[in-house]
Amino acid sequence: MVNSAQTINNLPPNDEGVLQLPFVVLHSVTWQTYQALLTDMGEHRAARLAFDRGTLEIKMPSAHSIPRP
């Protein structure tokens, strides 16, 4: 099994040298917080949110798949 540190160490930094993770996992999130995030972010957000029994996963699309305004 690959742990988080190994996965993060294999990700390349962006052009500014900043590591950009494609997702984040938060634990102990309430349903109310999840609903508030959905409302605040709106329907046309680039991020995808998944909630399951207090665990929230936020996935960001790759830079080339985000539509430009």
C-alpha atoms as a PDB file:
ATOM      1  CA  MET A   1       0.000   0.000   0.000  1.00  0.00           C
ATOM      2  CA  VAL A   2       1.282   3.473  -0.890  1.00  0.00           C
ATOM      3  CA  ASN A   3       1.032   6.020   1.900  1.00  0.00           C
ATOM      4  CA  SER A   4       0.193   9.699   1.456  1.00  0.00           C
ATOM      5  CA  ALA A   5       3.786  10.893   1.914  1.00  0.00           C
ATOM      6  CA  GLN A   6       5.016   8.608  -0.875  1.00  0.00           C
ATOM      7  CA  THR A   7       2.236   9.790  -3.181  1.00  0.00           C
ATOM      8  CA  ILE A   8       2.924  13.476  -2.460  1.00  0.00           C
ATOM      9  CA  ASN A   9       6.670  13.035  -2.994  1.00  0.00           C
ATOM     10  CA  ASN A  10       6.020  11.713  -6.512  1.00  0.00           C
ATOM     11  CA  LEU A  11       3.948  14.715  -7.629  1.00  0.00           C
ATOM     12  CA  PRO A  12       5.765  17.388  -9.651  1.00  0.00           C
ATOM     13  CA  PRO A  13       5.554  21.063  -8.618  1.00  0.00           C
ATOM     14  CA  ASN A  14       3.886  23.612 -10.880  1.00  0.00           C
ATOM     15  CA  ASP A  15       5.790  26.292 -12.843  1.00  0.00           C
ATOM     16  CA  GLU A  16       6.271  28.369  -9.687  1.00  0.00           C
ATOM     17  CA  GLY A  17       7.706  25.396  -7.774  1.00  0.00           C
ATOM     18  CA  VAL A  18       4.552  24.931  -5.694  1.00  0.00           C
ATOM     19  CA  LEU A  19       3.235  21.424  -5.142  1.00  0.00           C
ATOM     20  CA  GLN A  20      -0.373  21.195  -6.276  1.00  0.00           C
ATOM     21  CA  LEU A  21      -2.349  18.223  -5.045  1.00  0.00           C
ATOM     22  CA  PRO A  22      -5.189  16.957  -7.252  1.00  0.00           C
ATOM     23  CA  PHE A  23      -7.342  16.218  -4.202  1.00  0.00           C
ATOM     24  CA  VAL A  24      -7.712  16.741  -0.482  1.00  0.00           C
ATOM     25  CA  VAL A  25      -9.459  14.517   2.069  1.00  0.00           C
ATOM     26  CA  LEU A  26     -10.993  16.016   5.206  1.00  0.00           C
ATOM     27  CA  HIS A  27     -12.318  13.939   8.094  1.00  0.00           C
ATOM     28  CA  SER A  28     -14.989  14.713  10.725  1.00  0.00           C
ATOM     29  CA  VAL A  29     -16.881  17.035   8.382  1.00  0.00           C
ATOM     30  CA  THR A  30     -20.553  17.514   9.179  1.00  0.00           C
ATOM     31  CA  TRP A  31     -23.324  17.213   6.608  1.00  0.00           C
ATOM     32  CA  GLN A  32     -24.170  20.873   7.287  1.00  0.00           C
ATOM     33  CA  THR A  33     -20.603  21.928   6.446  1.00  0.00           C
ATOM     34  CA  TYR A  34     -20.698  19.902   3.234  1.00  0.00           C
ATOM     35  CA  GLN A  35     -23.999  21.513   2.235  1.00  0.00           C
ATOM     36  CA  ALA A  36     -22.618  24.977   3.057  1.00  0.00           C
ATOM     37  CA  LEU A  37     -19.550  24.340   0.872  1.00  0.00           C
ATOM     38  CA  LEU A  38     -21.756  23.255  -2.028  1.00  0.00           C
ATOM     39  CA  THR A  39     -23.843  26.405  -1.653  1.00  0.00           C
ATOM     40  CA  ASP A  40     -20.817  28.701  -1.351  1.00  0.00           C
ATOM     41  CA  MET A  41     -19.017  27.152  -4.319  1.00  0.00           C
ATOM     42  CA  GLY A  42     -22.073  27.231  -6.592  1.00  0.00           C
ATOM     43  CA  GLU A  43     -23.122  24.836  -9.325  1.00  0.00           C
ATOM     44  CA  HIS A  44     -20.458  25.862 -11.843  1.00  0.00           C
ATOM     45  CA  ARG A  45     -17.428  24.994  -9.713  1.00  0.00           C
ATOM     46  CA  ALA A  46     -14.394  23.207 -11.146  1.00  0.00           C
ATOM     47  CA  ALA A  47     -13.893  21.102  -8.005  1.00  0.00           C
ATOM     48  CA  ARG A  48     -15.807  17.873  -7.434  1.00  0.00           C
ATOM     49  CA  LEU A  49     -16.914  17.113  -3.896  1.00  0.00           C
ATOM     50  CA  ALA A  50     -17.752  13.699  -2.462  1.00  0.00           C
ATOM     51  CA  PHE A  51     -19.108  13.166   1.050  1.00  0.00           C
ATOM     52  CA  ASP A  52     -19.420   9.855   2.898  1.00  0.00           C
ATOM     53  CA  ARG A  53     -20.077   9.495   6.629  1.00  0.00           C
ATOM     54  CA  GLY A  54     -18.031  12.515   7.696  1.00  0.00           C
ATOM     55  CA  THR A  55     -15.266  12.197   5.107  1.00  0.00           C
ATOM     56  CA  LEU A  56     -15.122  14.899   2.452  1.00  0.00           C
ATOM     57  CA  GLU A  57     -12.982  14.482  -0.646  1.00  0.00           C
ATOM     58  CA  ILE A  58     -12.403  17.498  -2.856  1.00  0.00           C
ATOM     59  CA  LYS A  59     -10.959  16.738  -6.290  1.00  0.00           C
ATOM     60  CA  MET A  60      -9.564  19.374  -8.603  1.00  0.00           C
ATOM     61  CA  PRO A  61      -9.426  18.761 -12.346  1.00  0.00           C
ATOM     62  CA  SER A  62      -6.086  18.994 -14.083  1.00  0.00           C
ATOM     63  CA  ALA A  63      -5.157  22.456 -15.340  1.00  0.00           C
ATOM     64  CA  HIS A  64      -5.772  21.549 -18.996  1.00  0.00           C
ATOM     65  CA  SER A  65      -9.337  20.348 -18.282  1.00  0.00           C
ATOM     66  CA  ILE A  66     -10.531  23.588 -16.646  1.00  0.00           C
ATOM     67  CA  PRO A  67     -12.461  25.691 -19.156  1.00  0.00           C
ATOM     68  CA  ARG A  68     -11.160  29.243 -19.533  1.00  0.00           C
ATOM     69  CA  PRO A  69     -13.636  32.112 -19.306  1.00  0.00           C
END
